[in-house]
Amino acid sequence: MLTWRPVALDAALLELGWAVQDQYGIAFWDALIVAAARVVDCDRLLTEDLQDGRDFGGVVIVNPFARAPA
């Protein structure tokens, strides 16, 4: 599981989560996930819960169910 690079929940991540929530007007738990993606330098986040293609400061949302199979 450590190869997945888990992110520890600490004060800095909470602060970043609140900042993302305020900046983009999304739910806190979604903002916390986006913040964690930023911390580990992810440029894409796979989820069906946020708008496909939306860019959250370098983290772009990809809905894997909205795309046609290759």
N, C-alpha and C. Protein backbone atom coordinates (compact mmCIF):
# COMPACT_ATOMS: atom_id res chain seq x y z
N MET A 1 0.81 -1.20 0.00
CA MET A 1 0.00 0.00 0.00
C MET A 1 0.85 1.26 0.00
N LEU A 2 2.06 1.18 0.48
CA LEU A 2 2.90 2.37 0.53
C LEU A 2 3.31 2.85 -0.87
N THR A 3 3.25 1.98 -1.87
CA THR A 3 3.55 2.41 -3.23
C THR A 3 2.52 3.39 -3.75
N TRP A 4 1.36 3.45 -3.10
CA TRP A 4 0.31 4.39 -3.48
C TRP A 4 0.57 5.78 -2.94
N ARG A 5 1.64 5.95 -2.18
CA ARG A 5 2.03 7.24 -1.60
C ARG A 5 0.90 7.86 -0.77
N PRO A 6 0.47 7.19 0.30
CA PRO A 6 -0.59 7.77 1.13
C PRO A 6 -0.15 9.11 1.73
N VAL A 7 -1.12 9.98 1.90
CA VAL A 7 -0.86 11.32 2.42
C VAL A 7 -1.36 11.38 3.86
N ALA A 8 -0.50 11.81 4.76
CA ALA A 8 -0.88 11.94 6.16
C ALA A 8 -1.76 13.17 6.35
N LEU A 9 -2.80 13.01 7.12
CA LEU A 9 -3.67 14.14 7.45
C LEU A 9 -3.03 14.91 8.59
N ASP A 10 -2.62 16.13 8.28
CA ASP A 10 -2.00 16.98 9.30
C ASP A 10 -2.56 18.39 9.16
N ALA A 11 -2.08 19.29 9.99
CA ALA A 11 -2.59 20.66 9.99
C ALA A 11 -2.38 21.35 8.63
N ALA A 12 -1.24 21.11 8.00
CA ALA A 12 -0.96 21.74 6.71
C ALA A 12 -1.94 21.27 5.64
N LEU A 13 -2.27 19.99 5.64
CA LEU A 13 -3.23 19.47 4.66
C LEU A 13 -4.63 20.01 4.93
N LEU A 14 -5.01 20.11 6.19
CA LEU A 14 -6.31 20.69 6.53
C LEU A 14 -6.40 22.14 6.06
N GLU A 15 -5.34 22.91 6.29
CA GLU A 15 -5.32 24.31 5.85
C GLU A 15 -5.45 24.40 4.33
N LEU A 16 -4.72 23.55 3.61
CA LEU A 16 -4.80 23.55 2.16
C LEU A 16 -6.20 23.13 1.71
N GLY A 17 -6.78 22.15 2.38
CA GLY A 17 -8.14 21.73 2.06
C GLY A 17 -9.14 22.86 2.22
N TRP A 18 -9.03 23.61 3.30
CA TRP A 18 -9.93 24.75 3.51
C TRP A 18 -9.72 25.82 2.45
N ALA A 19 -8.45 26.03 2.06
CA ALA A 19 -8.16 27.02 1.02
C ALA A 19 -8.77 26.60 -0.32
N VAL A 20 -8.65 25.32 -0.66
CA VAL A 20 -9.24 24.80 -1.90
C VAL A 20 -10.76 24.94 -1.84
N GLN A 21 -11.35 24.62 -0.71
CA GLN A 21 -12.80 24.74 -0.53
C GLN A 21 -13.24 26.19 -0.75
N ASP A 22 -12.54 27.12 -0.14
CA ASP A 22 -12.89 28.54 -0.29
C ASP A 22 -12.70 29.03 -1.71
N GLN A 23 -11.60 28.64 -2.34
CA GLN A 23 -11.28 29.14 -3.68
C GLN A 23 -12.23 28.61 -4.74
N TYR A 24 -12.61 27.33 -4.63
CA TYR A 24 -13.39 26.71 -5.70
C TYR A 24 -14.84 26.43 -5.34
N GLY A 25 -15.21 26.66 -4.09
CA GLY A 25 -16.60 26.48 -3.68
C GLY A 25 -17.09 25.05 -3.75
N ILE A 26 -16.23 24.11 -3.40
CA ILE A 26 -16.63 22.70 -3.41
C ILE A 26 -16.72 22.19 -1.97
N ALA A 27 -17.32 21.03 -1.81
CA ALA A 27 -17.48 20.44 -0.48
C ALA A 27 -16.11 20.19 0.16
N PHE A 28 -16.06 20.28 1.48
CA PHE A 28 -14.79 20.15 2.19
C PHE A 28 -14.10 18.83 1.89
N TRP A 29 -14.82 17.72 1.93
CA TRP A 29 -14.18 16.41 1.74
C TRP A 29 -13.61 16.29 0.33
N ASP A 30 -14.29 16.84 -0.66
CA ASP A 30 -13.76 16.86 -2.03
C ASP A 30 -12.52 17.76 -2.09
N ALA A 31 -12.58 18.89 -1.42
CA ALA A 31 -11.44 19.81 -1.38
C ALA A 31 -10.23 19.17 -0.71
N LEU A 32 -10.47 18.38 0.32
CA LEU A 32 -9.38 17.70 1.01
C LEU A 32 -8.71 16.68 0.09
N ILE A 33 -9.49 15.99 -0.72
CA ILE A 33 -8.94 15.04 -1.69
C ILE A 33 -8.11 15.78 -2.75
N VAL A 34 -8.62 16.89 -3.24
CA VAL A 34 -7.88 17.70 -4.21
C VAL A 34 -6.58 18.20 -3.57
N ALA A 35 -6.65 18.65 -2.34
CA ALA A 35 -5.46 19.14 -1.62
C ALA A 35 -4.42 18.03 -1.49
N ALA A 36 -4.86 16.83 -1.14
CA ALA A 36 -3.93 15.71 -1.01
C ALA A 36 -3.29 15.38 -2.36
N ALA A 37 -4.06 15.48 -3.44
CA ALA A 37 -3.51 15.25 -4.78
C ALA A 37 -2.44 16.29 -5.09
N ARG A 38 -2.68 17.52 -4.71
CA ARG A 38 -1.68 18.58 -4.93
C ARG A 38 -0.39 18.29 -4.18
N VAL A 39 -0.53 17.85 -2.92
CA VAL A 39 0.64 17.61 -2.07
C VAL A 39 1.58 16.58 -2.70
N VAL A 40 1.03 15.58 -3.36
CA VAL A 40 1.87 14.54 -3.97
C VAL A 40 2.07 14.77 -5.47
N ASP A 41 1.78 16.00 -5.93
CA ASP A 41 2.03 16.41 -7.31
C ASP A 41 1.28 15.58 -8.35
N CYS A 42 0.05 15.18 -8.05
CA CYS A 42 -0.79 14.52 -9.05
C CYS A 42 -1.30 15.58 -10.01
N ASP A 43 -1.30 15.28 -11.29
CA ASP A 43 -1.85 16.24 -12.24
C ASP A 43 -3.25 15.84 -12.70
N ARG A 44 -3.66 14.61 -12.40
CA ARG A 44 -5.01 14.14 -12.73
C ARG A 44 -5.59 13.40 -11.54
N LEU A 45 -6.89 13.60 -11.33
CA LEU A 45 -7.60 12.94 -10.25
C LEU A 45 -8.81 12.22 -10.84
N LEU A 46 -8.84 10.90 -10.71
CA LEU A 46 -9.95 10.11 -11.22
C LEU A 46 -11.10 10.11 -10.22
N THR A 47 -12.23 10.66 -10.63
CA THR A 47 -13.43 10.68 -9.79
C THR A 47 -14.65 10.96 -10.64
N GLU A 48 -15.77 10.43 -10.20
CA GLU A 48 -17.03 10.77 -10.87
C GLU A 48 -17.80 11.81 -10.07
N ASP A 49 -17.22 12.29 -8.97
CA ASP A 49 -17.91 13.20 -8.07
C ASP A 49 -17.68 14.68 -8.36
N LEU A 50 -16.72 14.99 -9.21
CA LEU A 50 -16.45 16.39 -9.57
C LEU A 50 -16.55 16.54 -11.08
N GLN A 51 -16.62 17.78 -11.55
CA GLN A 51 -16.83 18.07 -12.96
C GLN A 51 -15.64 17.62 -13.82
N ASP A 52 -15.92 16.75 -14.78
CA ASP A 52 -14.91 16.23 -15.69
C ASP A 52 -14.21 17.38 -16.41
N GLY A 53 -12.88 17.39 -16.37
CA GLY A 53 -12.10 18.41 -17.06
C GLY A 53 -11.81 19.65 -16.24
N ARG A 54 -12.44 19.80 -15.09
CA ARG A 54 -12.21 20.98 -14.27
C ARG A 54 -10.79 20.96 -13.70
N ASP A 55 -10.16 22.11 -13.71
CA ASP A 55 -8.78 22.24 -13.24
C ASP A 55 -8.78 22.94 -11.88
N PHE A 56 -8.25 22.25 -10.89
CA PHE A 56 -8.13 22.81 -9.54
C PHE A 56 -6.67 23.13 -9.28
N GLY A 57 -6.18 24.19 -9.92
CA GLY A 57 -4.81 24.62 -9.69
C GLY A 57 -3.77 23.60 -10.07
N GLY A 58 -3.96 22.95 -11.19
CA GLY A 58 -2.99 21.96 -11.66
C GLY A 58 -3.43 20.52 -11.47
N VAL A 59 -4.50 20.30 -10.75
CA VAL A 59 -5.10 18.96 -10.60
C VAL A 59 -6.36 18.95 -11.45
N VAL A 60 -6.32 18.19 -12.55
CA VAL A 60 -7.44 18.14 -13.48
C VAL A 60 -8.29 16.91 -13.18
N ILE A 61 -9.59 17.11 -13.12
CA ILE A 61 -10.53 16.03 -12.83
C ILE A 61 -10.78 15.21 -14.09
N VAL A 62 -10.70 13.90 -13.95
CA VAL A 62 -11.00 12.97 -15.03
C VAL A 62 -12.07 12.00 -14.52
N ASN A 63 -13.22 12.04 -15.17
CA ASN A 63 -14.28 11.08 -14.84
C ASN A 63 -14.06 9.86 -15.74
N PRO A 64 -13.63 8.74 -15.18
CA PRO A 64 -13.33 7.58 -16.01
C PRO A 64 -14.57 6.99 -16.68
N PHE A 65 -15.76 7.34 -16.22
CA PHE A 65 -16.98 6.81 -16.79
C PHE A 65 -17.55 7.71 -17.89
N ALA A 66 -16.97 8.90 -18.04
CA ALA A 66 -17.46 9.85 -19.05
C ALA A 66 -16.72 9.72 -20.37
N ARG A 67 -15.72 8.87 -20.41
CA ARG A 67 -14.90 8.74 -21.61
C ARG A 67 -15.20 7.43 -22.32
N ALA A 68 -15.13 7.49 -23.64
CA ALA A 68 -15.34 6.29 -24.45
C ALA A 68 -14.12 5.38 -24.30
N PRO A 69 -14.34 4.08 -24.21
CA PRO A 69 -13.19 3.15 -24.11
C PRO A 69 -12.32 3.23 -25.36
N ALA A 70 -11.04 3.04 -25.19
CA ALA A 70 -10.09 3.12 -26.33
C ALA A 70 -10.18 1.87 -27.17
